[in-house]
Protein backbone atom coordinates (compact mmCIF):
# COMPACT_ATOMS: atom_id res chain seq x y z
CA MET A 1 -8.49 -6.05 1.36
CA VAL A 2 -9.83 -6.90 -2.35
CA LYS A 3 -12.00 -4.49 -4.29
CA THR A 4 -13.30 -4.82 -7.83
CA LEU A 5 -14.71 -1.75 -8.96
CA ALA A 6 -12.95 1.63 -8.33
CA SER A 7 -14.29 4.51 -10.43
CA LEU A 8 -11.76 6.58 -12.25
CA GLY A 9 -12.76 9.46 -10.18
CA ASP A 10 -12.03 7.48 -7.01
CA LEU A 11 -8.56 6.81 -8.42
CA TYR A 12 -7.62 10.32 -9.49
CA ALA A 13 -8.69 11.50 -5.86
CA ALA A 14 -6.16 8.79 -4.44
CA LYS A 15 -3.40 9.86 -6.71
CA GLU A 16 -4.11 13.42 -5.94
CA ASP A 17 -4.14 12.78 -2.11
CA PHE A 18 -0.92 10.82 -2.21
CA GLY A 19 0.59 13.54 -4.40
CA GLU A 20 -0.21 16.07 -1.60
CA LEU A 21 1.42 13.42 0.95
CA ARG A 22 4.46 13.28 -1.09
CA ASN A 23 4.62 17.18 -1.00
CA GLN A 24 3.77 17.81 2.49
CA HIS A 25 5.20 14.80 4.37
CA SER A 26 7.97 13.70 1.94
CA GLU A 27 9.98 11.83 4.63
CA VAL A 28 7.32 9.45 5.46
CA TYR A 29 6.14 9.17 1.69
CA ASP A 30 9.56 8.04 0.71
CA GLN A 31 9.41 5.39 3.51
CA LEU A 32 6.19 4.35 2.25
CA LEU A 33 7.41 4.15 -1.31
CA HIS A 34 10.45 2.19 -0.27
CA VAL A 35 8.18 -0.60 1.49
CA VAL A 36 5.78 -0.49 -1.55
CA SER A 37 8.80 -1.01 -3.89
CA LEU A 38 9.97 -3.88 -1.62
CA THR A 39 6.82 -5.50 -1.49
CA ARG A 40 6.79 -5.56 -5.37
CA GLN A 41 10.42 -6.81 -5.66
CA LEU A 42 9.82 -9.47 -3.33
CA GLN A 43 6.42 -10.50 -5.13
CA MET A 44 4.49 -10.20 -1.88
CA LYS A 45 0.73 -9.42 -1.75
CA TYR A 46 -0.01 -5.81 -1.38
CA GLY A 47 -3.00 -6.87 1.00
CA TYR A 48 -0.34 -8.17 3.27
CA MET A 49 1.62 -5.06 3.34
CA GLY A 50 -1.61 -3.06 3.98
CA SER A 51 -2.64 -5.48 6.75
CA LEU A 52 0.58 -5.01 8.59
CA LEU A 53 0.70 -1.31 7.95
CA MET A 54 -3.13 -1.15 9.18
CA ASP A 55 -2.68 -3.61 12.07
CA GLU A 56 -5.23 -5.89 10.53
CA ASP A 57 -5.47 -9.66 10.36
CA ILE A 58 -2.55 -10.92 8.03
CA THR A 59 -3.57 -14.41 7.78
CA VAL A 60 -5.26 -14.23 4.56
CA TYR A 61 -2.34 -12.64 2.95
CA GLU A 62 0.68 -14.36 4.62
CA PRO A 63 3.30 -15.55 2.33
CA GLU A 64 3.42 -19.21 2.05
CA TYR A 65 6.74 -20.23 0.57
CA MET A 66 9.23 -17.30 1.81
CA LYS A 67 12.07 -18.04 3.86
CA ASP A 68 11.75 -16.75 7.58
CA SER A 69 14.66 -14.63 7.13
CA ILE A 70 13.35 -12.72 4.20
CA LEU A 71 9.97 -12.47 5.72
CA THR A 72 11.55 -10.93 8.99
CA LEU A 73 13.44 -8.45 7.12
CA TYR A 74 10.48 -7.35 5.26
CA GLN A 75 8.39 -7.05 8.26
CA LYS A 76 11.21 -4.88 9.89
CA GLU A 77 11.11 -2.44 6.98
CA VAL A 78 7.01 -2.22 7.48
CA GLN A 79 7.79 -1.81 11.16
CA LYS A 80 10.03 1.08 10.39
CA LEU A 81 7.23 2.83 8.37
CA THR A 82 4.78 2.12 11.34
CA GLU A 83 6.88 3.63 13.91
CA HIS A 84 7.52 6.83 11.82
CA GLN A 85 6.08 10.03 13.44
CA ASP A 86 3.96 10.63 10.33
CA VAL A 87 2.50 7.53 9.93
CA GLU A 88 -1.00 8.23 10.88
CA VAL A 89 -1.34 10.54 7.73
CA VAL A 90 -0.52 7.46 5.58
CA ARG A 91 -3.07 5.51 7.56
CA TYR A 92 -5.47 8.27 7.19
CA MET A 93 -5.05 8.29 3.47
CA LEU A 94 -5.42 4.37 3.36
CA ARG A 95 -8.75 4.51 5.38
CA LYS A 96 -10.14 7.38 3.27
CA HIS A 97 -9.58 5.44 0.23
CA ARG A 98 -10.30 1.94 1.53
CA GLU A 99 -12.84 1.21 -1.01
CA ILE A 100 -10.12 1.27 -3.83
CA GLY A 101 -8.02 -1.51 -2.20
CA TYR A 102 -4.59 -1.89 -1.23
CA PRO A 103 -3.30 -2.93 -4.43
CA LYS A 104 -4.65 -0.39 -6.42
CA LEU A 105 -3.53 2.34 -4.09
CA PHE A 106 -0.16 0.99 -3.95
CA LEU A 107 0.09 0.86 -7.34
CA LEU A 108 -0.71 4.50 -7.81
CA ILE A 109 2.18 5.24 -5.49
CA LEU A 110 4.47 3.22 -7.64
CA GLY A 111 3.12 5.37 -10.51
CA ALA A 112 0.56 3.71 -12.17
CA LYS A 113 -2.18 5.54 -14.28
CA PRO A 114 -5.65 5.43 -12.98
CA GLU A 115 -6.92 4.46 -16.27
CA MET A 116 -4.76 1.44 -16.06
CA LEU A 117 -6.13 0.45 -12.76
CA LYS A 118 -9.96 1.30 -13.56
CA GLY A 119 -12.15 -1.79 -13.88
CA SER A 120 -12.87 -4.97 -12.52
CA THR A 121 -9.31 -6.30 -12.25
CA ILE A 122 -8.95 -8.32 -8.90
CA PHE A 123 -5.76 -7.89 -6.97
CA LYS A 124 -4.17 -9.15 -3.86
């Protein structure tokens, strides 16, 4: 999922919703943060993580030059999140803010300021 124009208000609303998720469902939020951080550390596309989590087509974002063992490890970590009892709350948040796009949503979770994400930057 790639989106180009997220309003500052949309970004703040998403940031607030994820803050509520952190407060009300801390265990699944911590697991989400772990997977988002792992995605960044492995330099994978946020769209790949989002597609795995939301059970969408991953072919657009699939890593081309990653060892199978690393990809399998990563997929297991995402699977742990998808098997969490509160994962539907995460999926609801992602659907609710779908227009913002996975990259910007996940960067918000990592602590990016909405002002830095506003505009026409295209992420994958």
